[in-house]
C-alpha atoms as a PDB file:
ATOM      1  CA  MET A   1    -147.401 -68.515-105.018  1.00  0.00           C
ATOM      2  CA  LYS A   2    -147.434 -68.969-108.791  1.00  0.00           C
ATOM      3  CA  GLN A   3    -144.416 -67.581-110.613  1.00  0.00           C
ATOM      4  CA  PHE A   4    -144.624 -66.338-114.177  1.00  0.00           C
ATOM      5  CA  LYS A   5    -141.665 -66.746-116.514  1.00  0.00           C
ATOM      6  CA  VAL A   6    -141.226 -63.615-118.624  1.00  0.00           C
ATOM      7  CA  VAL A   7    -139.427 -62.883-121.882  1.00  0.00           C
ATOM      8  CA  LEU A   8    -138.905 -59.222-122.742  1.00  0.00           C
ATOM      9  CA  VAL A   9    -138.665 -58.211-126.421  1.00  0.00           C
ATOM     10  CA  GLY A  10    -137.019 -54.938-127.437  1.00  0.00           C
ATOM     11  CA  CYS A  11    -134.093 -53.792-125.305  1.00  0.00           C
ATOM     12  CA  GLY A  12    -134.020 -50.081-126.113  1.00  0.00           C
ATOM     13  CA  ALA A  13    -134.201 -47.267-123.575  1.00  0.00           C
ATOM     14  CA  MET A  14    -137.832 -47.957-122.573  1.00  0.00           C
ATOM     15  CA  SER A  15    -136.947 -51.515-121.540  1.00  0.00           C
ATOM     16  CA  LYS A  16    -135.131 -50.191-118.464  1.00  0.00           C
ATOM     17  CA  GLU A  17    -138.399 -49.318-116.710  1.00  0.00           C
ATOM     18  CA  TRP A  18    -139.977 -52.671-117.582  1.00  0.00           C
ATOM     19  CA  ILE A  19    -136.973 -54.588-116.280  1.00  0.00           C
ATOM     20  CA  ARG A  20    -136.764 -52.474-113.113  1.00  0.00           C
ATOM     21  CA  VAL A  21    -140.408 -53.200-112.284  1.00  0.00           C
ATOM     22  CA  ALA A  22    -140.170 -56.893-113.198  1.00  0.00           C
ATOM     23  CA  LEU A  23    -137.274 -57.377-110.784  1.00  0.00           C
ATOM     24  CA  GLU A  24    -139.343 -55.881-107.952  1.00  0.00           C
ATOM     25  CA  ILE A  25    -142.261 -58.319-108.387  1.00  0.00           C
ATOM     26  CA  PRO A  26    -141.564 -61.671-106.661  1.00  0.00           C
ATOM     27  CA  LYS A  27    -144.101 -63.441-108.877  1.00  0.00           C
ATOM     28  CA  LEU A  28    -142.012 -62.700-111.981  1.00  0.00           C
ATOM     29  CA  GLU A  29    -138.924 -64.514-113.213  1.00  0.00           C
ATOM     30  CA  LEU A  30    -137.222 -62.723-116.093  1.00  0.00           C
ATOM     31  CA  VAL A  31    -135.867 -65.616-118.168  1.00  0.00           C
ATOM     32  CA  GLY A  32    -135.071 -64.052-121.561  1.00  0.00           C
ATOM     33  CA  LEU A  33    -134.151 -60.822-123.328  1.00  0.00           C
ATOM     34  CA  VAL A  34    -134.708 -60.596-127.092  1.00  0.00           C
ATOM     35  CA  ASP A  35    -133.508 -57.905-129.471  1.00  0.00           C
ATOM     36  CA  LEU A  36    -132.666 -57.863-133.191  1.00  0.00           C
ATOM     37  CA  PHE A  37    -129.249 -56.663-132.012  1.00  0.00           C
ATOM     38  CA  PRO A  38    -128.246 -59.068-129.215  1.00  0.00           C
ATOM     39  CA  GLU A  39    -125.651 -56.604-127.915  1.00  0.00           C
ATOM     40  CA  ASN A  40    -128.573 -54.413-126.751  1.00  0.00           C
ATOM     41  CA  ALA A  41    -129.918 -57.330-124.712  1.00  0.00           C
ATOM     42  CA  ARG A  42    -126.454 -58.030-123.270  1.00  0.00           C
ATOM     43  CA  THR A  43    -126.132 -54.389-122.260  1.00  0.00           C
ATOM     44  CA  ARG A  44    -129.400 -54.593-120.295  1.00  0.00           C
ATOM     45  CA  ALA A  45    -128.386 -57.909-118.715  1.00  0.00           C
ATOM     46  CA  THR A  46    -125.098 -56.400-117.548  1.00  0.00           C
ATOM     47  CA  GLU A  47    -126.743 -53.180-116.369  1.00  0.00           C
ATOM     48  CA  PHE A  48    -129.248 -55.047-114.173  1.00  0.00           C
ATOM     49  CA  LYS A  49    -126.863 -57.872-113.170  1.00  0.00           C
ATOM     50  CA  LEU A  50    -129.042 -60.544-114.788  1.00  0.00           C
ATOM     51  CA  GLU A  51    -126.678 -63.504-114.604  1.00  0.00           C
ATOM     52  CA  ASN A  52    -129.132 -66.278-115.488  1.00  0.00           C
ATOM     53  CA  VAL A  53    -131.183 -64.571-118.195  1.00  0.00           C
ATOM     54  CA  GLN A  54    -130.933 -65.946-121.735  1.00  0.00           C
ATOM     55  CA  ILE A  55    -130.054 -63.629-124.632  1.00  0.00           C
ATOM     56  CA  GLY A  56    -131.289 -63.957-128.205  1.00  0.00           C
ATOM     57  CA  SER A  57    -132.481 -62.301-131.408  1.00  0.00           C
ATOM     58  CA  SER A  58    -135.360 -64.717-132.173  1.00  0.00           C
ATOM     59  CA  LEU A  59    -138.511 -64.623-130.064  1.00  0.00           C
ATOM     60  CA  SER A  60    -139.637 -67.987-131.421  1.00  0.00           C
ATOM     61  CA  GLU A  61    -136.401 -69.688-130.367  1.00  0.00           C
ATOM     62  CA  MET A  62    -136.441 -67.964-126.983  1.00  0.00           C
ATOM     63  CA  LEU A  63    -139.990 -69.117-126.253  1.00  0.00           C
ATOM     64  CA  GLU A  64    -139.109 -72.656-127.304  1.00  0.00           C
ATOM     65  CA  LYS A  65    -136.152 -72.676-124.885  1.00  0.00           C
ATOM     66  CA  THR A  66    -137.720 -70.951-121.903  1.00  0.00           C
ATOM     67  CA  LYS A  67    -141.393 -72.005-122.130  1.00  0.00           C
ATOM     68  CA  ALA A  68    -142.240 -68.504-120.892  1.00  0.00           C
ATOM     69  CA  ASP A  69    -145.744 -67.689-119.654  1.00  0.00           C
ATOM     70  CA  VAL A  70    -145.626 -63.977-120.534  1.00  0.00           C
ATOM     71  CA  VAL A  71    -144.078 -61.739-123.181  1.00  0.00           C
ATOM     72  CA  PHE A  72    -143.372 -58.095-122.438  1.00  0.00           C
ATOM     73  CA  ASP A  73    -143.369 -56.386-125.842  1.00  0.00           C
ATOM     74  CA  VAL A  74    -141.228 -53.238-125.760  1.00  0.00           C
ATOM     75  CA  SER A  75    -140.406 -53.417-129.463  1.00  0.00           C
ATOM     76  CA  ILE A  76    -141.091 -50.713-132.074  1.00  0.00           C
ATOM     77  CA  PRO A  77    -144.759 -50.278-133.151  1.00  0.00           C
ATOM     78  CA  ASP A  78    -144.179 -51.958-136.524  1.00  0.00           C
ATOM     79  CA  ALA A  79    -143.108 -55.151-134.724  1.00  0.00           C
ATOM     80  CA  HIS A  80    -146.012 -55.452-132.261  1.00  0.00           C
ATOM     81  CA  TYR A  81    -148.103 -57.529-134.668  1.00  0.00           C
ATOM     82  CA  ASP A  82    -145.395 -60.156-135.251  1.00  0.00           C
ATOM     83  CA  VAL A  83    -144.414 -60.296-131.576  1.00  0.00           C
ATOM     84  CA  ALA A  84    -147.974 -60.828-130.366  1.00  0.00           C
ATOM     85  CA  LEU A  85    -148.845 -63.508-132.904  1.00  0.00           C
ATOM     86  CA  GLU A  86    -145.591 -65.385-132.200  1.00  0.00           C
ATOM     87  CA  ALA A  87    -146.274 -65.246-128.466  1.00  0.00           C
ATOM     88  CA  PHE A  88    -149.811 -66.570-128.909  1.00  0.00           C
ATOM     89  CA  LYS A  89    -148.500 -69.479-131.018  1.00  0.00           C
ATOM     90  CA  HIS A  90    -146.375 -70.460-128.018  1.00  0.00           C
ATOM     91  CA  GLY A  91    -149.183 -70.059-125.485  1.00  0.00           C
ATOM     92  CA  ALA A  92    -147.806 -66.867-123.893  1.00  0.00           C
ATOM     93  CA  HIS A  93    -149.806 -63.890-122.635  1.00  0.00           C
ATOM     94  CA  VAL A  94    -148.709 -60.449-123.864  1.00  0.00           C
ATOM     95  CA  LEU A  95    -148.406 -57.014-122.304  1.00  0.00           C
ATOM     96  CA  GLY A  96    -147.107 -54.558-124.889  1.00  0.00           C
ATOM     97  CA  GLU A  97    -146.208 -50.910-125.296  1.00  0.00           C
ATOM     98  CA  LYS A  98    -148.649 -48.643-127.080  1.00  0.00           C
ATOM     99  CA  PRO A  99    -149.767 -48.383-129.794  1.00  0.00           C
ATOM    100  CA  LEU A 100    -151.470 -51.745-130.061  1.00  0.00           C
ATOM    101  CA  ALA A 101    -150.454 -51.958-133.744  1.00  0.00           C
ATOM    102  CA  ASP A 102    -149.248 -49.822-136.623  1.00  0.00           C
ATOM    103  CA  ASN A 103    -152.578 -50.083-138.459  1.00  0.00           C
ATOM    104  CA  LEU A 104    -156.159 -50.982-137.620  1.00  0.00           C
ATOM    105  CA  ALA A 105    -156.371 -54.170-139.717  1.00  0.00           C
ATOM    106  CA  ARG A 106    -153.437 -55.676-137.830  1.00  0.00           C
ATOM    107  CA  ALA A 107    -154.884 -54.553-134.502  1.00  0.00           C
ATOM    108  CA  ILE A 108    -158.171 -56.328-135.260  1.00  0.00           C
ATOM    109  CA  GLU A 109    -156.288 -59.501-136.201  1.00  0.00           C
ATOM    110  CA  MET A 110    -154.264 -59.352-132.971  1.00  0.00           C
ATOM    111  CA  VAL A 111    -157.386 -58.963-130.819  1.00  0.00           C
ATOM    112  CA  ASN A 112    -159.041 -61.908-132.560  1.00  0.00           C
ATOM    113  CA  ALA A 113    -155.895 -64.048-132.282  1.00  0.00           C
ATOM    114  CA  ALA A 114    -155.667 -63.497-128.523  1.00  0.00           C
ATOM    115  CA  GLN A 115    -159.335 -64.334-128.049  1.00  0.00           C
ATOM    116  CA  ASN A 116    -159.118 -67.465-130.229  1.00  0.00           C
ATOM    117  CA  ALA A 117    -156.067 -68.649-128.270  1.00  0.00           C
ATOM    118  CA  LYS A 118    -157.807 -67.808-124.957  1.00  0.00           C
ATOM    119  CA  LEU A 119    -154.803 -65.746-123.928  1.00  0.00           C
ATOM    120  CA  THR A 120    -154.531 -62.320-122.317  1.00  0.00           C
ATOM    121  CA  HIS A 121    -153.339 -59.403-124.433  1.00  0.00           C
ATOM    122  CA  SER A 122    -153.055 -55.965-122.841  1.00  0.00           C
ATOM    123  CA  VAL A 123    -151.594 -52.600-123.817  1.00  0.00           C
ATOM    124  CA  MET A 124    -149.406 -50.256-121.737  1.00  0.00           C
ATOM    125  CA  GLN A 125    -151.865 -47.385-121.473  1.00  0.00           C
ATOM    126  CA  ASN A 126    -150.143 -46.268-118.289  1.00  0.00           C
ATOM    127  CA  ARG A 127    -152.125 -43.082-117.696  1.00  0.00           C
ATOM    128  CA  ARG A 128    -155.016 -45.244-116.507  1.00  0.00           C
ATOM    129  CA  PHE A 129    -152.976 -45.628-113.313  1.00  0.00           C
ATOM    130  CA  ASP A 130    -152.536 -41.896-112.810  1.00  0.00           C
ATOM    131  CA  PRO A 131    -154.249 -41.070-109.477  1.00  0.00           C
ATOM    132  CA  ASN A 132    -155.411 -37.681-110.815  1.00  0.00           C
ATOM    133  CA  ILE A 133    -157.209 -39.358-113.722  1.00  0.00           C
ATOM    134  CA  LEU A 134    -158.747 -41.936-111.398  1.00  0.00           C
ATOM    135  CA  GLN A 135    -159.881 -39.086-109.145  1.00  0.00           C
ATOM    136  CA  VAL A 136    -161.684 -37.374-112.051  1.00  0.00           C
ATOM    137  CA  LYS A 137    -163.281 -40.641-113.160  1.00  0.00           C
ATOM    138  CA  GLN A 138    -164.487 -41.378-109.634  1.00  0.00           C
ATOM    139  CA  PHE A 139    -166.000 -37.897-109.300  1.00  0.00           C
ATOM    140  CA  LEU A 140    -167.811 -38.105-112.635  1.00  0.00           C
ATOM    141  CA  GLU A 141    -169.239 -41.481-111.639  1.00  0.00           C
ATOM    142  CA  SER A 142    -170.602 -39.929-108.423  1.00  0.00           C
ATOM    143  CA  GLY A 143    -173.036 -37.931-110.573  1.00  0.00           C
ATOM    144  CA  GLN A 144    -172.450 -34.668-108.736  1.00  0.00           C
ATOM    145  CA  ILE A 145    -172.301 -32.660-111.981  1.00  0.00           C
ATOM    146  CA  GLY A 146    -175.097 -34.739-113.492  1.00  0.00           C
ATOM    147  CA  ALA A 147    -174.830 -36.577-116.787  1.00  0.00           C
ATOM    148  CA  VAL A 148    -171.787 -35.604-118.853  1.00  0.00           C
ATOM    149  CA  THR A 149    -172.675 -33.798-122.081  1.00  0.00           C
ATOM    150  CA  THR A 150    -169.416 -32.214-123.314  1.00  0.00           C
ATOM    151  CA  VAL A 151    -165.727 -33.003-122.848  1.00  0.00           C
ATOM    152  CA  ASN A 152    -163.058 -30.456-123.843  1.00  0.00           C
ATOM    153  CA  SER A 153    -159.323 -31.152-123.727  1.00  0.00           C
ATOM    154  CA  ASP A 154    -156.411 -28.859-124.616  1.00  0.00           C
ATOM    155  CA  PHE A 155    -152.893 -30.179-125.198  1.00  0.00           C
ATOM    156  CA  PHE A 156    -150.310 -27.512-126.022  1.00  0.00           C
ATOM    157  CA  ILE A 157    -146.592 -28.216-125.661  1.00  0.00           C
ATOM    158  CA  GLY A 158    -143.641 -26.978-127.709  1.00  0.00           C
ATOM    159  CA  ALA A 159    -141.723 -30.246-127.771  1.00  0.00           C
ATOM    160  CA  HIS A 160    -138.320 -30.146-129.492  1.00  0.00           C
ATOM    161  CA  PHE A 161    -137.607 -33.863-129.767  1.00  0.00           C
ATOM    162  CA  GLY A 162    -135.322 -33.942-132.764  1.00  0.00           C
ATOM    163  CA  GLY A 163    -134.891 -37.313-134.455  1.00  0.00           C
ATOM    164  CA  PHE A 164    -137.568 -39.310-136.247  1.00  0.00           C
ATOM    165  CA  ARG A 165    -140.558 -37.300-134.999  1.00  0.00           C
ATOM    166  CA  ASP A 166    -139.418 -34.209-136.909  1.00  0.00           C
ATOM    167  CA  SER A 167    -140.144 -35.925-140.237  1.00  0.00           C
ATOM    168  CA  MET A 168    -142.990 -38.204-139.147  1.00  0.00           C
ATOM    169  CA  ALA A 169    -146.393 -37.911-140.846  1.00  0.00           C
ATOM    170  CA  HIS A 170    -149.367 -37.207-138.564  1.00  0.00           C
ATOM    171  CA  VAL A 171    -146.883 -36.870-135.717  1.00  0.00           C
ATOM    172  CA  LEU A 172    -149.237 -35.509-133.053  1.00  0.00           C
ATOM    173  CA  LEU A 173    -152.134 -37.857-133.808  1.00  0.00           C
ATOM    174  CA  LEU A 174    -150.003 -40.982-134.184  1.00  0.00           C
ATOM    175  CA  ASP A 175    -147.486 -40.468-131.415  1.00  0.00           C
ATOM    176  CA  MET A 176    -149.362 -38.608-128.682  1.00  0.00           C
ATOM    177  CA  ALA A 177    -153.098 -38.102-129.139  1.00  0.00           C
ATOM    178  CA  ILE A 178    -154.005 -41.699-128.257  1.00  0.00           C
ATOM    179  CA  HIS A 179    -153.214 -40.874-124.612  1.00  0.00           C
ATOM    180  CA  THR A 180    -155.734 -38.031-124.537  1.00  0.00           C
ATOM    181  CA  PHE A 181    -158.305 -39.984-126.544  1.00  0.00           C
ATOM    182  CA  ASP A 182    -157.988 -42.935-124.167  1.00  0.00           C
ATOM    183  CA  GLN A 183    -158.278 -40.620-121.141  1.00  0.00           C
ATOM    184  CA  ALA A 184    -161.558 -39.237-122.499  1.00  0.00           C
ATOM    185  CA  ARG A 185    -162.951 -42.738-122.985  1.00  0.00           C
ATOM    186  CA  PHE A 186    -161.748 -43.935-119.596  1.00  0.00           C
ATOM    187  CA  MET A 187    -162.953 -40.970-117.552  1.00  0.00           C
ATOM    188  CA  THR A 188    -166.419 -40.784-119.144  1.00  0.00           C
ATOM    189  CA  GLY A 189    -167.088 -44.436-119.952  1.00  0.00           C
ATOM    190  CA  CYS A 190    -168.120 -43.390-123.485  1.00  0.00           C
ATOM    191  CA  ASP A 191    -167.021 -44.856-126.805  1.00  0.00           C
ATOM    192  CA  PRO A 192    -166.434 -43.024-130.114  1.00  0.00           C
ATOM    193  CA  LEU A 193    -168.954 -42.964-132.939  1.00  0.00           C
ATOM    194  CA  ASN A 194    -167.504 -40.543-135.513  1.00  0.00           C
ATOM    195  CA  VAL A 195    -164.977 -37.730-135.871  1.00  0.00           C
ATOM    196  CA  TYR A 196    -164.174 -34.630-137.863  1.00  0.00           C
ATOM    197  CA  CYS A 197    -160.504 -33.649-137.700  1.00  0.00           C
ATOM    198  CA  LEU A 198    -158.596 -30.648-139.018  1.00  0.00           C
ATOM    199  CA  GLU A 199    -154.854 -31.313-138.969  1.00  0.00           C
ATOM    200  CA  PHE A 200    -152.409 -28.516-139.711  1.00  0.00           C
ATOM    201  CA  ASN A 201    -148.808 -27.400-139.403  1.00  0.00           C
ATOM    202  CA  PRO A 202    -148.318 -23.764-138.289  1.00  0.00           C
ATOM    203  CA  LYS A 203    -145.817 -21.738-140.309  1.00  0.00           C
ATOM    204  CA  ASP A 204    -143.332 -21.658-137.429  1.00  0.00           C
ATOM    205  CA  SER A 205    -143.481 -25.435-136.918  1.00  0.00           C
ATOM    206  CA  TRP A 206    -140.220 -27.385-136.726  1.00  0.00           C
ATOM    207  CA  TYR A 207    -142.082 -30.564-137.715  1.00  0.00           C
ATOM    208  CA  ALA A 208    -142.517 -31.653-141.326  1.00  0.00           C
ATOM    209  CA  GLN A 209    -146.250 -32.349-141.028  1.00  0.00           C
ATOM    210  CA  GLY A 210    -149.173 -32.739-138.648  1.00  0.00           C
ATOM    211  CA  SER A 211    -147.880 -31.035-135.510  1.00  0.00           C
ATOM    212  CA  SER A 212    -151.331 -29.645-134.625  1.00  0.00           C
ATOM    213  CA  ALA A 213    -154.899 -30.933-134.797  1.00  0.00           C
ATOM    214  CA  HIS A 214    -158.445 -30.117-133.753  1.00  0.00           C
ATOM    215  CA  CYS A 215    -160.876 -33.050-133.492  1.00  0.00           C
ATOM    216  CA  ILE A 216    -164.587 -33.225-132.734  1.00  0.00           C
ATOM    217  CA  PHE A 217    -165.761 -36.697-131.702  1.00  0.00           C
ATOM    218  CA  GLU A 218    -169.370 -37.723-131.270  1.00  0.00           C
ATOM    219  CA  MET A 219    -169.464 -40.316-128.508  1.00  0.00           C
ATOM    220  CA  THR A 220    -172.034 -42.674-127.049  1.00  0.00           C
ATOM    221  CA  ASN A 221    -174.565 -41.298-124.536  1.00  0.00           C
ATOM    222  CA  GLY A 222    -174.808 -38.106-126.610  1.00  0.00           C
ATOM    223  CA  VAL A 223    -171.409 -36.834-125.441  1.00  0.00           C
ATOM    224  CA  VAL A 224    -169.295 -34.546-127.651  1.00  0.00           C
ATOM    225  CA  PHE A 225    -165.526 -34.685-127.117  1.00  0.00           C
ATOM    226  CA  ASN A 226    -163.449 -31.761-128.414  1.00  0.00           C
ATOM    227  CA  TYR A 227    -159.673 -32.200-128.706  1.00  0.00           C
ATOM    228  CA  ARG A 228    -157.303 -29.325-129.468  1.00  0.00           C
ATOM    229  CA  GLY A 229    -153.629 -30.186-129.573  1.00  0.00           C
ATOM    230  CA  SER A 230    -150.229 -28.984-130.703  1.00  0.00           C
ATOM    231  CA  TRP A 231    -146.611 -30.080-130.327  1.00  0.00           C
ATOM    232  CA  CYS A 232    -145.263 -26.760-131.620  1.00  0.00           C
ATOM    233  CA  SER A 233    -147.004 -24.342-129.266  1.00  0.00           C
ATOM    234  CA  GLU A 234    -144.548 -22.118-127.411  1.00  0.00           C
ATOM    235  CA  GLY A 235    -145.646 -20.582-124.107  1.00  0.00           C
ATOM    236  CA  PHE A 236    -148.239 -21.479-121.457  1.00  0.00           C
ATOM    237  CA  HIS A 237    -147.687 -25.213-121.864  1.00  0.00           C
ATOM    238  CA  THR A 238    -150.364 -27.559-120.583  1.00  0.00           C
ATOM    239  CA  THR A 239    -149.382 -30.708-118.724  1.00  0.00           C
ATOM    240  CA  TRP A 240    -148.778 -33.869-120.734  1.00  0.00           C
ATOM    241  CA  GLU A 241    -152.174 -35.076-119.476  1.00  0.00           C
ATOM    242  CA  SER A 242    -153.912 -32.029-121.073  1.00  0.00           C
ATOM    243  CA  ASP A 243    -156.170 -29.360-119.584  1.00  0.00           C
ATOM    244  CA  TRP A 244    -159.803 -30.452-119.243  1.00  0.00           C
ATOM    245  CA  ARG A 245    -163.271 -28.879-118.939  1.00  0.00           C
ATOM    246  CA  ILE A 246    -166.004 -31.504-118.549  1.00  0.00           C
ATOM    247  CA  ILE A 247    -169.571 -30.212-118.603  1.00  0.00           C
ATOM    248  CA  GLY A 248    -172.533 -32.025-117.069  1.00  0.00           C
ATOM    249  CA  THR A 249    -176.222 -31.323-116.722  1.00  0.00           C
ATOM    250  CA  ARG A 250    -175.708 -29.888-113.219  1.00  0.00           C
ATOM    251  CA  GLY A 251    -172.229 -28.370-113.314  1.00  0.00           C
ATOM    252  CA  THR A 252    -168.696 -28.376-114.684  1.00  0.00           C
ATOM    253  CA  LEU A 253    -165.469 -30.086-113.682  1.00  0.00           C
ATOM    254  CA  ARG A 254    -162.115 -28.475-114.464  1.00  0.00           C
ATOM    255  CA  TRP A 255    -158.809 -30.333-114.264  1.00  0.00           C
ATOM    256  CA  ASP A 256    -155.432 -28.930-115.284  1.00  0.00           C
ATOM    257  CA  GLY A 257    -153.910 -32.368-115.858  1.00  0.00           C
ATOM    258  CA  GLY A 258    -151.979 -32.062-112.608  1.00  0.00           C
ATOM    259  CA  GLU A 259    -153.045 -31.548-109.009  1.00  0.00           C
ATOM    260  CA  ASP A 260    -155.712 -28.857-109.586  1.00  0.00           C
ATOM    261  CA  SER A 261    -159.154 -30.426-110.029  1.00  0.00           C
ATOM    262  CA  ARG A 262    -162.384 -28.768-108.937  1.00  0.00           C
ATOM    263  CA  ALA A 263    -166.035 -28.570-109.808  1.00  0.00           C
ATOM    264  CA  GLN A 264    -168.813 -26.006-109.731  1.00  0.00           C
ATOM    265  CA  ILE A 265    -172.221 -27.537-109.098  1.00  0.00           C
ATOM    266  CA  VAL A 266    -175.605 -25.856-109.543  1.00  0.00           C
ATOM    267  CA  SER A 267    -176.997 -24.912-106.143  1.00  0.00           C
ATOM    268  CA  GLU A 268    -179.897 -22.640-107.153  1.00  0.00           C
ATOM    269  CA  THR A 269    -181.745 -21.970-110.403  1.00  0.00           C
ATOM    270  CA  GLY A 270    -184.386 -19.482-111.504  1.00  0.00           C
ATOM    271  CA  GLY A 271    -182.347 -16.378-112.252  1.00  0.00           C
ATOM    272  CA  PHE A 272    -180.568 -15.298-115.447  1.00  0.00           C
ATOM    273  CA  LEU A 273    -177.491 -17.174-114.188  1.00  0.00           C
ATOM    274  CA  SER A 274    -177.726 -20.149-111.856  1.00  0.00           C
ATOM    275  CA  LYS A 275    -175.850 -20.069-108.563  1.00  0.00           C
ATOM    276  CA  HIS A 276    -173.059 -22.575-108.004  1.00  0.00           C
ATOM    277  CA  SER A 277    -171.172 -24.114-105.143  1.00  0.00           C
ATOM    278  CA  GLU A 278    -167.494 -24.946-105.718  1.00  0.00           C
ATOM    279  CA  THR A 279    -165.731 -28.022-104.430  1.00  0.00           C
ATOM    280  CA  ASN A 280    -162.314 -29.592-104.761  1.00  0.00           C
ATOM    281  CA  LEU A 281    -162.357 -33.181-105.930  1.00  0.00           C
ATOM    282  CA  PRO A 282    -161.771 -35.653-103.084  1.00  0.00           C
ATOM    283  CA  LYS A 283    -158.442 -37.445-103.153  1.00  0.00           C
ATOM    284  CA  LEU A 284    -158.294 -41.179-103.717  1.00  0.00           C
ATOM    285  CA  GLU A 285    -158.515 -43.034-100.424  1.00  0.00           C
ATOM    286  CA  GLN A 286    -156.235 -45.858-101.578  1.00  0.00           C
ATOM    287  CA  GLN A 287    -152.591 -45.398-102.525  1.00  0.00           C
ATOM    288  CA  ILE A 288    -151.792 -47.113-105.820  1.00  0.00           C
ATOM    289  CA  ALA A 289    -148.724 -47.896-107.861  1.00  0.00           C
ATOM    290  CA  THR A 290    -148.647 -45.505-110.811  1.00  0.00           C
ATOM    291  CA  GLY A 291    -147.424 -45.467-114.405  1.00  0.00           C
ATOM    292  CA  HIS A 292    -145.737 -48.536-115.870  1.00  0.00           C
ATOM    293  CA  GLU A 293    -145.359 -50.134-112.461  1.00  0.00           C
ATOM    294  CA  GLY A 294    -149.052 -49.872-111.693  1.00  0.00           C
ATOM    295  CA  LEU A 295    -150.110 -51.443-114.963  1.00  0.00           C
ATOM    296  CA  ILE A 296    -147.519 -54.241-114.895  1.00  0.00           C
ATOM    297  CA  ARG A 297    -148.485 -55.151-111.330  1.00  0.00           C
ATOM    298  CA  ASP A 298    -152.164 -55.088-112.269  1.00  0.00           C
ATOM    299  CA  PHE A 299    -151.531 -57.245-115.341  1.00  0.00           C
ATOM    300  CA  ILE A 300    -149.754 -59.943-113.329  1.00  0.00           C
ATOM    301  CA  SER A 301    -152.227 -59.817-110.449  1.00  0.00           C
ATOM    302  CA  ASN A 302    -155.170 -60.246-112.808  1.00  0.00           C
ATOM    303  CA  LEU A 303    -153.435 -63.098-114.617  1.00  0.00           C
ATOM    304  CA  GLU A 304    -152.943 -64.872-111.312  1.00  0.00           C
ATOM    305  CA  GLN A 305    -156.524 -64.295-110.182  1.00  0.00           C
ATOM    306  CA  GLN A 306    -157.980 -64.772-113.682  1.00  0.00           C
ATOM    307  CA  THR A 307    -159.831 -61.462-113.419  1.00  0.00           C
ATOM    308  CA  ALA A 308    -160.454 -58.718-115.972  1.00  0.00           C
ATOM    309  CA  GLN A 309    -157.468 -56.721-117.192  1.00  0.00           C
ATOM    310  CA  ALA A 310    -157.340 -52.928-116.932  1.00  0.00           C
ATOM    311  CA  THR A 311    -156.273 -52.341-120.542  1.00  0.00           C
ATOM    312  CA  PRO A 312    -157.163 -55.375-122.698  1.00  0.00           C
ATOM    313  CA  SER A 313    -156.466 -55.035-126.399  1.00  0.00           C
ATOM    314  CA  SER A 314    -160.164 -55.644-127.067  1.00  0.00           C
ATOM    315  CA  ASP A 315    -160.859 -52.312-125.325  1.00  0.00           C
ATOM    316  CA  ASN A 316    -157.711 -50.397-126.273  1.00  0.00           C
ATOM    317  CA  ILE A 317    -158.427 -50.934-129.957  1.00  0.00           C
ATOM    318  CA  LYS A 318    -161.236 -48.387-129.611  1.00  0.00           C
ATOM    319  CA  SER A 319    -158.743 -45.678-128.631  1.00  0.00           C
ATOM    320  CA  LEU A 320    -156.458 -46.707-131.497  1.00  0.00           C
ATOM    321  CA  ALA A 321    -159.428 -46.580-133.881  1.00  0.00           C
ATOM    322  CA  MET A 322    -160.005 -42.968-132.822  1.00  0.00           C
ATOM    323  CA  VAL A 323    -156.473 -42.131-133.991  1.00  0.00           C
ATOM    324  CA  PHE A 324    -156.822 -43.750-137.399  1.00  0.00           C
ATOM    325  CA  ALA A 325    -160.312 -42.314-137.941  1.00  0.00           C
ATOM    326  CA  ALA A 326    -158.991 -38.839-137.088  1.00  0.00           C
ATOM    327  CA  ILE A 327    -156.158 -39.290-139.596  1.00  0.00           C
ATOM    328  CA  GLU A 328    -158.603 -40.420-142.283  1.00  0.00           C
ATOM    329  CA  SER A 329    -160.800 -37.408-141.564  1.00  0.00           C
ATOM    330  CA  ALA A 330    -157.795 -35.080-141.727  1.00  0.00           C
ATOM    331  CA  GLU A 331    -156.799 -36.506-145.114  1.00  0.00           C
ATOM    332  CA  THR A 332    -160.307 -36.494-146.635  1.00  0.00           C
ATOM    333  CA  ARG A 333    -161.707 -33.388-144.867  1.00  0.00           C
ATOM    334  CA  GLN A 334    -164.819 -35.485-144.188  1.00  0.00           C
ATOM    335  CA  ARG A 335    -166.529 -36.736-141.061  1.00  0.00           C
ATOM    336  CA  VAL A 336    -165.475 -40.367-140.532  1.00  0.00           C
ATOM    337  CA  GLU A 337    -167.136 -43.186-138.627  1.00  0.00           C
ATOM    338  CA  VAL A 338    -164.909 -44.749-135.952  1.00  0.00           C
ATOM    339  CA  ARG A 339    -164.742 -48.533-136.527  1.00  0.00           C
ATOM    340  CA  TRP A 340    -162.758 -51.199-134.672  1.00  0.00           C
ATOM    341  CA  ALA A 341    -164.221 -54.451-135.990  1.00  0.00           C
END
């Protein structure tokens, strides 16, 4: 059984989940923890009783010492570019937290660098391992509601984070919307073409800017994707996975982002209103690891088998491009083409 030596970069709160999962996978050997403040790395090493792990503040030096095969990038978004390029220089594959990069130009460079180095670069888009999302995707692929024409998602949560988000520009689009955008792409198999976005901040908002947005995306296969979202909406919260209505040529699927997913399918036509039969979506037959654990396990398994990754940067960049195109549209009040190359 091949073992992969792993260096983890960025030892903040999110690193706990990455370390927990890594220690449960026999194929992984956690050999190094890197943080600009080494005391953060020492805290994690003590917390998880990592007696043999090396501690450092320089990724380059750590990779030289450990000859690691894989870098787990749990650093801040502004650092993802430097971490990935340094890892590729040392021949290491990368699995990193979202977003892929802090701007599209850097994201494109990172994708090209990974491909030129013939190394794997994937992004922690963990909702792709949510069984409810997989259930919706599987049902849509069955064709029971016909060809998808329209996708509507609502995201409404009054989230009182405090801290940096309160003063962040484009806070909803930059920090949250990529999850919903990526879900729409994943479930339908469609890619974005262009977008018109209206971003606004309601008068009762506790955010400085951009707490709410409405986006209309034109997608491939003639699909229109409508996104309505807010982080300062009090009452009747949706789930974090949004509330969905997906319309096809022979029916509609509704999913509340949780356990309630059902479809109405045309059973008889000819009258003023067609008749419909209603069905609950079938559950997945196979139990899967979810969230971060599911994606980390998939990443390592596909490295070992040299098979396609679930969330390669070359695909995830399309979801990131949706975010930056929406921001550009919000700023210019114009429809904007979605580009990722």
